[in-house]
Amino acid sequence: INYSVLKMYHFAPVFERYEGKDSFLTKNTFVNANVD
């Protein structure tokens, strides 16, 4: 009813449910790179 490009796209980044070497982003593996 309310779909708007300002609000959402159907497919976007997610928190991945499994952690491993191929995990880009999970809720438990945030790092904060020492970058400007």
PDB file of all heavy atoms in Angstrom:
ATOM      1  N   ILE A   1       0.832  -1.206   0.000  1.00  0.00           N
ATOM      2  CA  ILE A   1       0.000   0.000   0.000  1.00  0.00           C
ATOM      3  C   ILE A   1       0.864   1.252   0.000  1.00  0.00           C
ATOM      4  O   ILE A   1       0.580   2.230  -0.697  1.00  0.00           O
ATOM      5  CB  ILE A   1      -0.934   0.003   1.224  1.00  0.00           C
ATOM      6  CG1 ILE A   1      -1.933  -1.160   1.124  1.00  0.00           C
ATOM      7  CG2 ILE A   1      -1.681   1.331   1.334  1.00  0.00           C
ATOM      8  CD1 ILE A   1      -2.743  -1.374   2.389  1.00  0.00           C
ATOM      9  N   ASN A   2       1.946   1.199   0.777  1.00  0.00           N
ATOM     10  CA  ASN A   2       2.735   2.414   1.013  1.00  0.00           C
ATOM     11  C   ASN A   2       4.119   2.371   0.384  1.00  0.00           C
ATOM     12  O   ASN A   2       4.974   3.171   0.725  1.00  0.00           O
ATOM     13  CB  ASN A   2       2.911   2.638   2.528  1.00  0.00           C
ATOM     14  CG  ASN A   2       1.604   2.732   3.252  1.00  0.00           C
ATOM     15  OD1 ASN A   2       0.617   3.185   2.692  1.00  0.00           O
ATOM     16  ND2 ASN A   2       1.564   2.301   4.504  1.00  0.00           N
ATOM     17  N   TYR A   3       4.358   1.443  -0.541  1.00  0.00           N
ATOM     18  CA  TYR A   3       5.702   1.286  -1.090  1.00  0.00           C
ATOM     19  C   TYR A   3       6.201   2.591  -1.696  1.00  0.00           C
ATOM     20  O   TYR A   3       5.497   3.263  -2.454  1.00  0.00           O
ATOM     21  CB  TYR A   3       5.733   0.191  -2.156  1.00  0.00           C
ATOM     22  CG  TYR A   3       7.102   0.042  -2.786  1.00  0.00           C
ATOM     23  CD1 TYR A   3       8.120  -0.604  -2.100  1.00  0.00           C
ATOM     24  CD2 TYR A   3       7.377   0.579  -4.035  1.00  0.00           C
ATOM     25  CE1 TYR A   3       9.382  -0.739  -2.656  1.00  0.00           C
ATOM     26  CE2 TYR A   3       8.639   0.456  -4.592  1.00  0.00           C
ATOM     27  CZ  TYR A   3       9.637  -0.200  -3.896  1.00  0.00           C
ATOM     28  OH  TYR A   3      10.894  -0.314  -4.440  1.00  0.00           O
ATOM     29  N   SER A   4       7.428   2.938  -1.352  1.00  0.00           N
ATOM     30  CA  SER A   4       8.031   4.174  -1.848  1.00  0.00           C
ATOM     31  C   SER A   4       9.533   3.989  -1.914  1.00  0.00           C
ATOM     32  O   SER A   4      10.135   3.356  -1.044  1.00  0.00           O
ATOM     33  CB  SER A   4       7.693   5.338  -0.905  1.00  0.00           C
ATOM     34  OG  SER A   4       8.650   6.354  -0.984  1.00  0.00           O
ATOM     35  N   VAL A   5      10.143   4.537  -2.967  1.00  0.00           N
ATOM     36  CA  VAL A   5      11.599   4.424  -3.110  1.00  0.00           C
ATOM     37  C   VAL A   5      12.323   5.157  -1.992  1.00  0.00           C
ATOM     38  O   VAL A   5      13.517   4.931  -1.762  1.00  0.00           O
ATOM     39  CB  VAL A   5      12.069   4.968  -4.472  1.00  0.00           C
ATOM     40  CG1 VAL A   5      11.539   4.104  -5.600  1.00  0.00           C
ATOM     41  CG2 VAL A   5      11.664   6.423  -4.658  1.00  0.00           C
ATOM     42  N   LEU A   6      11.629   6.043  -1.274  1.00  0.00           N
ATOM     43  CA  LEU A   6      12.252   6.713  -0.148  1.00  0.00           C
ATOM     44  C   LEU A   6      12.350   5.794   1.072  1.00  0.00           C
ATOM     45  O   LEU A   6      13.134   6.041   1.983  1.00  0.00           O
ATOM     46  CB  LEU A   6      11.448   7.959   0.259  1.00  0.00           C
ATOM     47  CG  LEU A   6      11.163   9.002  -0.816  1.00  0.00           C
ATOM     48  CD1 LEU A   6      10.463  10.198  -0.201  1.00  0.00           C
ATOM     49  CD2 LEU A   6      12.432   9.435  -1.521  1.00  0.00           C
ATOM     50  N   LYS A   7      11.535   4.764   1.091  1.00  0.00           N
ATOM     51  CA  LYS A   7      11.405   3.931   2.284  1.00  0.00           C
ATOM     52  C   LYS A   7      12.150   2.603   2.193  1.00  0.00           C
ATOM     53  O   LYS A   7      12.659   2.110   3.187  1.00  0.00           O
ATOM     54  CB  LYS A   7       9.918   3.630   2.556  1.00  0.00           C
ATOM     55  CG  LYS A   7       9.010   4.844   2.579  1.00  0.00           C
ATOM     56  CD  LYS A   7       9.284   5.739   3.766  1.00  0.00           C
ATOM     57  CE  LYS A   7       8.758   5.152   5.043  1.00  0.00           C
ATOM     58  NZ  LYS A   7       8.862   6.066   6.185  1.00  0.00           N
ATOM     59  N   MET A   8      12.150   1.976   1.002  1.00  0.00           N
ATOM     60  CA  MET A   8      12.710   0.631   0.969  1.00  0.00           C
ATOM     61  C   MET A   8      12.977   0.162  -0.449  1.00  0.00           C
ATOM     62  O   MET A   8      12.371   0.639  -1.408  1.00  0.00           O
ATOM     63  CB  MET A   8      11.751  -0.369   1.623  1.00  0.00           C
ATOM     64  CG  MET A   8      10.434  -0.549   0.873  1.00  0.00           C
ATOM     65  SD  MET A   8       9.420  -1.883   1.523  1.00  0.00           S
ATOM     66  CE  MET A   8      10.363  -3.311   1.003  1.00  0.00           C
ATOM     67  N   TYR A   9      13.911  -0.747  -0.562  1.00  0.00           N
ATOM     68  CA  TYR A   9      14.069  -1.596  -1.736  1.00  0.00           C
ATOM     69  C   TYR A   9      13.972  -3.029  -1.236  1.00  0.00           C
ATOM     70  O   TYR A   9      14.320  -3.330  -0.090  1.00  0.00           O
ATOM     71  CB  TYR A   9      15.405  -1.336  -2.429  1.00  0.00           C
ATOM     72  CG  TYR A   9      15.508   0.051  -3.009  1.00  0.00           C
ATOM     73  CD1 TYR A   9      16.346   1.003  -2.439  1.00  0.00           C
ATOM     74  CD2 TYR A   9      14.743   0.412  -4.106  1.00  0.00           C
ATOM     75  CE1 TYR A   9      16.423   2.280  -2.962  1.00  0.00           C
ATOM     76  CE2 TYR A   9      14.810   1.695  -4.629  1.00  0.00           C
ATOM     77  CZ  TYR A   9      15.656   2.626  -4.056  1.00  0.00           C
ATOM     78  OH  TYR A   9      15.722   3.888  -4.573  1.00  0.00           O
ATOM     79  N   HIS A  10      13.505  -3.906  -2.076  1.00  0.00           N
ATOM     80  CA  HIS A  10      13.220  -5.259  -1.602  1.00  0.00           C
ATOM     81  C   HIS A  10      14.474  -6.059  -1.296  1.00  0.00           C
ATOM     82  O   HIS A  10      14.473  -6.903  -0.404  1.00  0.00           O
ATOM     83  CB  HIS A  10      12.365  -5.993  -2.637  1.00  0.00           C
ATOM     84  CG  HIS A  10      11.011  -5.377  -2.829  1.00  0.00           C
ATOM     85  ND1 HIS A  10      10.067  -5.352  -1.826  1.00  0.00           N
ATOM     86  CD2 HIS A  10      10.447  -4.742  -3.891  1.00  0.00           C
ATOM     87  CE1 HIS A  10       8.975  -4.740  -2.271  1.00  0.00           C
ATOM     88  NE2 HIS A  10       9.183  -4.363  -3.507  1.00  0.00           N
ATOM     89  N   PHE A  11      15.547  -5.789  -2.038  1.00  0.00           N
ATOM     90  CA  PHE A  11      16.776  -6.569  -1.846  1.00  0.00           C
ATOM     91  C   PHE A  11      17.938  -5.611  -1.577  1.00  0.00           C
ATOM     92  O   PHE A  11      18.266  -4.770  -2.414  1.00  0.00           O
ATOM     93  CB  PHE A  11      17.039  -7.448  -3.063  1.00  0.00           C
ATOM     94  CG  PHE A  11      15.970  -8.490  -3.257  1.00  0.00           C
ATOM     95  CD1 PHE A  11      14.948  -8.285  -4.174  1.00  0.00           C
ATOM     96  CD2 PHE A  11      15.965  -9.648  -2.499  1.00  0.00           C
ATOM     97  CE1 PHE A  11      13.945  -9.229  -4.336  1.00  0.00           C
ATOM     98  CE2 PHE A  11      14.963 -10.597  -2.656  1.00  0.00           C
ATOM     99  CZ  PHE A  11      13.948 -10.386  -3.575  1.00  0.00           C
ATOM    100  N   ALA A  12      18.515  -5.759  -0.404  1.00  0.00           N
ATOM    101  CA  ALA A  12      19.563  -4.861   0.072  1.00  0.00           C
ATOM    102  C   ALA A  12      20.447  -5.652   1.040  1.00  0.00           C
ATOM    103  O   ALA A  12      20.218  -6.838   1.286  1.00  0.00           O
ATOM    104  CB  ALA A  12      18.923  -3.649   0.754  1.00  0.00           C
ATOM    105  N   PRO A  13      21.478  -5.033   1.602  1.00  0.00           N
ATOM    106  CA  PRO A  13      22.341  -5.735   2.550  1.00  0.00           C
ATOM    107  C   PRO A  13      21.576  -6.300   3.745  1.00  0.00           C
ATOM    108  O   PRO A  13      20.532  -5.776   4.141  1.00  0.00           O
ATOM    109  CB  PRO A  13      23.324  -4.648   2.991  1.00  0.00           C
ATOM    110  CG  PRO A  13      23.405  -3.743   1.804  1.00  0.00           C
ATOM    111  CD  PRO A  13      22.006  -3.698   1.260  1.00  0.00           C
ATOM    112  N   VAL A  14      22.127  -7.363   4.322  1.00  0.00           N
ATOM    113  CA  VAL A  14      21.504  -8.040   5.462  1.00  0.00           C
ATOM    114  C   VAL A  14      22.566  -8.393   6.489  1.00  0.00           C
ATOM    115  O   VAL A  14      23.760  -8.438   6.185  1.00  0.00           O
ATOM    116  CB  VAL A  14      20.789  -9.352   5.025  1.00  0.00           C
ATOM    117  CG1 VAL A  14      19.714  -9.062   3.990  1.00  0.00           C
ATOM    118  CG2 VAL A  14      21.801 -10.364   4.480  1.00  0.00           C
ATOM    119  N   PHE A  15      22.111  -8.661   7.710  1.00  0.00           N
ATOM    120  CA  PHE A  15      22.961  -9.343   8.674  1.00  0.00           C
ATOM    121  C   PHE A  15      22.893 -10.831   8.357  1.00  0.00           C
ATOM    122  O   PHE A  15      21.804 -11.416   8.311  1.00  0.00           O
ATOM    123  CB  PHE A  15      22.470  -9.100  10.103  1.00  0.00           C
ATOM    124  CG  PHE A  15      22.847  -7.760  10.657  1.00  0.00           C
ATOM    125  CD1 PHE A  15      21.875  -6.880  11.102  1.00  0.00           C
ATOM    126  CD2 PHE A  15      24.180  -7.378  10.743  1.00  0.00           C
ATOM    127  CE1 PHE A  15      22.218  -5.646  11.620  1.00  0.00           C
ATOM    128  CE2 PHE A  15      24.529  -6.145  11.258  1.00  0.00           C
ATOM    129  CZ  PHE A  15      23.553  -5.269  11.700  1.00  0.00           C
ATOM    130  N   GLU A  16      24.036 -11.422   8.127  1.00  0.00           N
ATOM    131  CA  GLU A  16      24.074 -12.849   7.800  1.00  0.00           C
ATOM    132  C   GLU A  16      23.914 -13.686   9.069  1.00  0.00           C
ATOM    133  O   GLU A  16      24.404 -13.306  10.130  1.00  0.00           O
ATOM    134  CB  GLU A  16      25.379 -13.170   7.075  1.00  0.00           C
ATOM    135  CG  GLU A  16      25.478 -12.448   5.726  1.00  0.00           C
ATOM    136  CD  GLU A  16      26.877 -12.481   5.135  1.00  0.00           C
ATOM    137  OE1 GLU A  16      27.538 -13.534   5.238  1.00  0.00           O
ATOM    138  OE2 GLU A  16      27.313 -11.456   4.590  1.00  0.00           O
ATOM    139  N   ARG A  17      23.218 -14.826   8.920  1.00  0.00           N
ATOM    140  CA  ARG A  17      22.878 -15.646  10.088  1.00  0.00           C
ATOM    141  C   ARG A  17      24.030 -16.532  10.540  1.00  0.00           C
ATOM    142  O   ARG A  17      24.024 -17.025  11.659  1.00  0.00           O
ATOM    143  CB  ARG A  17      21.667 -16.524   9.764  1.00  0.00           C
ATOM    144  CG  ARG A  17      20.448 -15.780   9.233  1.00  0.00           C
ATOM    145  CD  ARG A  17      19.936 -14.734  10.191  1.00  0.00           C
ATOM    146  NE  ARG A  17      18.701 -14.112   9.703  1.00  0.00           N
ATOM    147  CZ  ARG A  17      18.201 -12.984  10.181  1.00  0.00           C
ATOM    148  NH1 ARG A  17      18.829 -12.352  11.147  1.00  0.00           N
ATOM    149  NH2 ARG A  17      17.070 -12.486   9.693  1.00  0.00           N
ATOM    150  N   TYR A  18      25.003 -16.746   9.671  1.00  0.00           N
ATOM    151  CA  TYR A  18      26.103 -17.652   9.998  1.00  0.00           C
ATOM    152  C   TYR A  18      27.424 -16.894   9.935  1.00  0.00           C
ATOM    153  O   TYR A  18      27.636 -16.050   9.065  1.00  0.00           O
ATOM    154  CB  TYR A  18      26.140 -18.837   9.035  1.00  0.00           C
ATOM    155  CG  TYR A  18      24.898 -19.692   9.101  1.00  0.00           C
ATOM    156  CD1 TYR A  18      23.785 -19.406   8.316  1.00  0.00           C
ATOM    157  CD2 TYR A  18      24.839 -20.785   9.965  1.00  0.00           C
ATOM    158  CE1 TYR A  18      22.633 -20.175   8.388  1.00  0.00           C
ATOM    159  CE2 TYR A  18      23.694 -21.563  10.041  1.00  0.00           C
ATOM    160  CZ  TYR A  18      22.600 -21.259   9.252  1.00  0.00           C
ATOM    161  OH  TYR A  18      21.462 -22.024   9.327  1.00  0.00           O
ATOM    162  N   GLU A  19      28.311 -17.207  10.860  1.00  0.00           N
ATOM    163  CA  GLU A  19      29.606 -16.553  10.901  1.00  0.00           C
ATOM    164  C   GLU A  19      30.689 -17.483  10.357  1.00  0.00           C
ATOM    165  O   GLU A  19      30.707 -18.670  10.674  1.00  0.00           O
ATOM    166  CB  GLU A  19      29.946 -16.150  12.340  1.00  0.00           C
ATOM    167  CG  GLU A  19      29.014 -15.083  12.896  1.00  0.00           C
ATOM    168  CD  GLU A  19      29.375 -14.681  14.320  1.00  0.00           C
ATOM    169  OE1 GLU A  19      30.544 -14.932  14.700  1.00  0.00           O
ATOM    170  OE2 GLU A  19      28.516 -14.149  15.026  1.00  0.00           O
ATOM    171  N   GLY A  20      31.549 -16.927   9.534  1.00  0.00           N
ATOM    172  CA  GLY A  20      32.636 -17.703   8.964  1.00  0.00           C
ATOM    173  C   GLY A  20      33.481 -16.811   8.084  1.00  0.00           C
ATOM    174  O   GLY A  20      33.246 -15.606   7.975  1.00  0.00           O
ATOM    175  N   LYS A  21      34.455 -17.417   7.402  1.00  0.00           N
ATOM    176  CA  LYS A  21      35.367 -16.619   6.586  1.00  0.00           C
ATOM    177  C   LYS A  21      34.664 -15.958   5.407  1.00  0.00           C
ATOM    178  O   LYS A  21      35.159 -14.976   4.850  1.00  0.00           O
ATOM    179  CB  LYS A  21      36.518 -17.488   6.088  1.00  0.00           C
ATOM    180  CG  LYS A  21      36.123 -18.618   5.160  1.00  0.00           C
ATOM    181  CD  LYS A  21      37.335 -19.440   4.750  1.00  0.00           C
ATOM    182  CE  LYS A  21      36.960 -20.568   3.809  1.00  0.00           C
ATOM    183  NZ  LYS A  21      36.430 -20.079   2.521  1.00  0.00           N
ATOM    184  N   ASP A  22      33.495 -16.485   5.004  1.00  0.00           N
ATOM    185  CA  ASP A  22      32.745 -15.899   3.895  1.00  0.00           C
ATOM    186  C   ASP A  22      31.618 -14.988   4.359  1.00  0.00           C
ATOM    187  O   ASP A  22      30.744 -14.610   3.581  1.00  0.00           O
ATOM    188  CB  ASP A  22      32.158 -17.005   3.005  1.00  0.00           C
ATOM    189  CG  ASP A  22      33.240 -17.729   2.208  1.00  0.00           C
ATOM    190  OD1 ASP A  22      34.248 -17.080   1.880  1.00  0.00           O
ATOM    191  OD2 ASP A  22      33.064 -18.922   1.920  1.00  0.00           O
ATOM    192  N   SER A  23      31.630 -14.622   5.646  1.00  0.00           N
ATOM    193  CA  SER A  23      30.604 -13.722   6.178  1.00  0.00           C
ATOM    194  C   SER A  23      31.058 -12.276   5.983  1.00  0.00           C
ATOM    195  O   SER A  23      32.118 -11.883   6.492  1.00  0.00           O
ATOM    196  CB  SER A  23      30.360 -13.997   7.660  1.00  0.00           C
ATOM    197  OG  SER A  23      29.885 -15.307   7.855  1.00  0.00           O
ATOM    198  N   PHE A  24      30.251 -11.507   5.279  1.00  0.00           N
ATOM    199  CA  PHE A  24      30.591 -10.089   5.106  1.00  0.00           C
ATOM    200  C   PHE A  24      30.171  -9.288   6.332  1.00  0.00           C
ATOM    201  O   PHE A  24      30.895  -8.413   6.797  1.00  0.00           O
ATOM    202  CB  PHE A  24      29.899  -9.522   3.861  1.00  0.00           C
ATOM    203  CG  PHE A  24      30.180  -8.063   3.640  1.00  0.00           C
ATOM    204  CD1 PHE A  24      31.344  -7.666   3.000  1.00  0.00           C
ATOM    205  CD2 PHE A  24      29.310  -7.081   4.084  1.00  0.00           C
ATOM    206  CE1 PHE A  24      31.636  -6.325   2.807  1.00  0.00           C
ATOM    207  CE2 PHE A  24      29.582  -5.734   3.903  1.00  0.00           C
ATOM    208  CZ  PHE A  24      30.745  -5.351   3.262  1.00  0.00           C
ATOM    209  N   LEU A  25      28.990  -9.594   6.869  1.00  0.00           N
ATOM    210  CA  LEU A  25      28.462  -8.791   7.968  1.00  0.00           C
ATOM    211  C   LEU A  25      27.507  -9.626   8.814  1.00  0.00           C
ATOM    212  O   LEU A  25      26.539 -10.182   8.304  1.00  0.00           O
ATOM    213  CB  LEU A  25      27.714  -7.574   7.407  1.00  0.00           C
ATOM    214  CG  LEU A  25      27.411  -6.445   8.386  1.00  0.00           C
ATOM    215  CD1 LEU A  25      28.689  -5.724   8.801  1.00  0.00           C
ATOM    216  CD2 LEU A  25      26.432  -5.453   7.758  1.00  0.00           C
ATOM    217  N   THR A  26      27.804  -9.750  10.092  1.00  0.00           N
ATOM    218  CA  THR A  26      26.880 -10.366  11.039  1.00  0.00           C
ATOM    219  C   THR A  26      26.753  -9.425  12.232  1.00  0.00           C
ATOM    220  O   THR A  26      27.529  -8.472  12.381  1.00  0.00           O
ATOM    221  CB  THR A  26      27.371 -11.741  11.524  1.00  0.00           C
ATOM    222  OG1 THR A  26      28.477 -11.557  12.407  1.00  0.00           O
ATOM    223  CG2 THR A  26      27.777 -12.635  10.356  1.00  0.00           C
ATOM    224  N   LYS A  27      25.793  -9.690  13.091  1.00  0.00           N
ATOM    225  CA  LYS A  27      25.582  -8.817  14.247  1.00  0.00           C
ATOM    226  C   LYS A  27      26.718  -8.924  15.258  1.00  0.00           C
ATOM    227  O   LYS A  27      26.880  -8.049  16.108  1.00  0.00           O
ATOM    228  CB  LYS A  27      24.252  -9.163  14.917  1.00  0.00           C
ATOM    229  CG  LYS A  27      23.041  -8.809  14.061  1.00  0.00           C
ATOM    230  CD  LYS A  27      21.728  -9.126  14.755  1.00  0.00           C
ATOM    231  CE  LYS A  27      20.552  -8.785  13.856  1.00  0.00           C
ATOM    232  NZ  LYS A  27      19.243  -9.096  14.479  1.00  0.00           N
ATOM    233  N   ASN A  28      27.510  -9.985  15.164  1.00  0.00           N
ATOM    234  CA  ASN A  28      28.571 -10.211  16.146  1.00  0.00           C
ATOM    235  C   ASN A  28      29.971  -9.965  15.605  1.00  0.00           C
ATOM    236  O   ASN A  28      30.951 -10.140  16.344  1.00  0.00           O
ATOM    237  CB  ASN A  28      28.489 -11.650  16.674  1.00  0.00           C
ATOM    238  CG  ASN A  28      27.188 -11.932  17.383  1.00  0.00           C
ATOM    239  OD1 ASN A  28      26.664 -11.076  18.096  1.00  0.00           O
ATOM    240  ND2 ASN A  28      26.639 -13.115  17.182  1.00  0.00           N
ATOM    241  N   THR A  29      30.091  -9.590  14.345  1.00  0.00           N
ATOM    242  CA  THR A  29      31.434  -9.471  13.769  1.00  0.00           C
ATOM    243  C   THR A  29      31.727  -8.077  13.239  1.00  0.00           C
ATOM    244  O   THR A  29      32.522  -7.907  12.341  1.00  0.00           O
ATOM    245  CB  THR A  29      31.625 -10.490  12.626  1.00  0.00           C
ATOM    246  OG1 THR A  29      30.614 -10.282  11.628  1.00  0.00           O
ATOM    247  CG2 THR A  29      31.562 -11.905  13.148  1.00  0.00           C
ATOM    248  N   PHE A  30      31.070  -7.058  13.814  1.00  0.00           N
ATOM    249  CA  PHE A  30      31.409  -5.693  13.439  1.00  0.00           C
ATOM    250  C   PHE A  30      32.845  -5.396  13.862  1.00  0.00           C
ATOM    251  O   PHE A  30      33.254  -5.690  14.977  1.00  0.00           O
ATOM    252  CB  PHE A  30      30.482  -4.699  14.152  1.00  0.00           C
ATOM    253  CG  PHE A  30      29.358  -4.210  13.298  1.00  0.00           C
ATOM    254  CD1 PHE A  30      28.465  -5.103  12.737  1.00  0.00           C
ATOM    255  CD2 PHE A  30      29.187  -2.862  13.069  1.00  0.00           C
ATOM    256  CE1 PHE A  30      27.409  -4.660  11.959  1.00  0.00           C
ATOM    257  CE2 PHE A  30      28.131  -2.410  12.283  1.00  0.00           C
ATOM    258  CZ  PHE A  30      27.247  -3.308  11.731  1.00  0.00           C
ATOM    259  N   VAL A  31      33.614  -4.830  12.953  1.00  0.00           N
ATOM    260  CA  VAL A  31      34.915  -4.281  13.315  1.00  0.00           C
ATOM    261  C   VAL A  31      34.884  -2.800  12.949  1.00  0.00           C
ATOM    262  O   VAL A  31      34.027  -2.347  12.190  1.00  0.00           O
ATOM    263  CB  VAL A  31      36.070  -4.968  12.560  1.00  0.00           C
ATOM    264  CG1 VAL A  31      36.137  -6.427  12.921  1.00  0.00           C
ATOM    265  CG2 VAL A  31      35.946  -4.776  11.060  1.00  0.00           C
ATOM    266  N   ASN A  32      35.787  -2.047  13.504  1.00  0.00           N
ATOM    267  CA  ASN A  32      35.860  -0.632  13.179  1.00  0.00           C
ATOM    268  C   ASN A  32      37.255  -0.343  12.658  1.00  0.00           C
ATOM    269  O   ASN A  32      38.203  -0.237  13.439  1.00  0.00           O
ATOM    270  CB  ASN A  32      35.528   0.222  14.401  1.00  0.00           C
ATOM    271  CG  ASN A  32      34.089   0.039  14.833  1.00  0.00           C
ATOM    272  OD1 ASN A  32      33.168   0.414  14.116  1.00  0.00           O
ATOM    273  ND2 ASN A  32      33.879  -0.555  15.993  1.00  0.00           N
ATOM    274  N   ALA A  33      37.365  -0.304  11.348  1.00  0.00           N
ATOM    275  CA  ALA A  33      38.673  -0.139  10.727  1.00  0.00           C
ATOM    276  C   ALA A  33      39.276   1.208  11.106  1.00  0.00           C
ATOM    277  O   ALA A  33      38.579   2.223  11.211  1.00  0.00           O
ATOM    278  CB  ALA A  33      38.537  -0.251   9.214  1.00  0.00           C
ATOM    279  N   ASN A  34      40.550   1.192  11.306  1.00  0.00           N
ATOM    280  CA  ASN A  34      41.272   2.408  11.656  1.00  0.00           C
ATOM    281  C   ASN A  34      41.585   3.179  10.378  1.00  0.00           C
ATOM    282  O   ASN A  34      42.720   3.231   9.919  1.00  0.00           O
ATOM    283  CB  ASN A  34      42.552   2.046  12.420  1.00  0.00           C
ATOM    284  CG  ASN A  34      43.282   3.266  12.923  1.00  0.00           C
ATOM    285  OD1 ASN A  34      42.713   4.357  12.997  1.00  0.00           O
ATOM    286  ND2 ASN A  34      44.554   3.102  13.272  1.00  0.00           N
ATOM    287  N   VAL A  35      40.538   3.759   9.799  1.00  0.00           N
ATOM    288  CA  VAL A  35      40.693   4.495   8.541  1.00  0.00           C
ATOM    289  C   VAL A  35      40.084   5.882   8.675  1.00  0.00           C
ATOM    290  O   VAL A  35      39.113   6.090   9.410  1.00  0.00           O
ATOM    291  CB  VAL A  35      40.032   3.756   7.354  1.00  0.00           C
ATOM    292  CG1 VAL A  35      40.692   2.410   7.111  1.00  0.00           C
ATOM    293  CG2 VAL A  35      38.533   3.572   7.578  1.00  0.00           C
ATOM    294  N   ASP A  36      40.661   6.835   7.948  1.00  0.00           N
ATOM    295  CA  ASP A  36      40.084   8.175   7.876  1.00  0.00           C
ATOM    296  C   ASP A  36      38.816   8.126   7.032  1.00  0.00           C
ATOM    297  O   ASP A  36      38.752   7.402   6.034  1.00  0.00           O
ATOM    298  CB  ASP A  36      41.086   9.145   7.253  1.00  0.00           C
ATOM    299  CG  ASP A  36      42.376   9.258   8.049  1.00  0.00           C
ATOM    300  OD1 ASP A  36      42.307   9.198   9.291  1.00  0.00           O
ATOM    301  OD2 ASP A  36      43.451   9.384   7.430  1.00  0.00           O
TER     302      ASP A  36
END
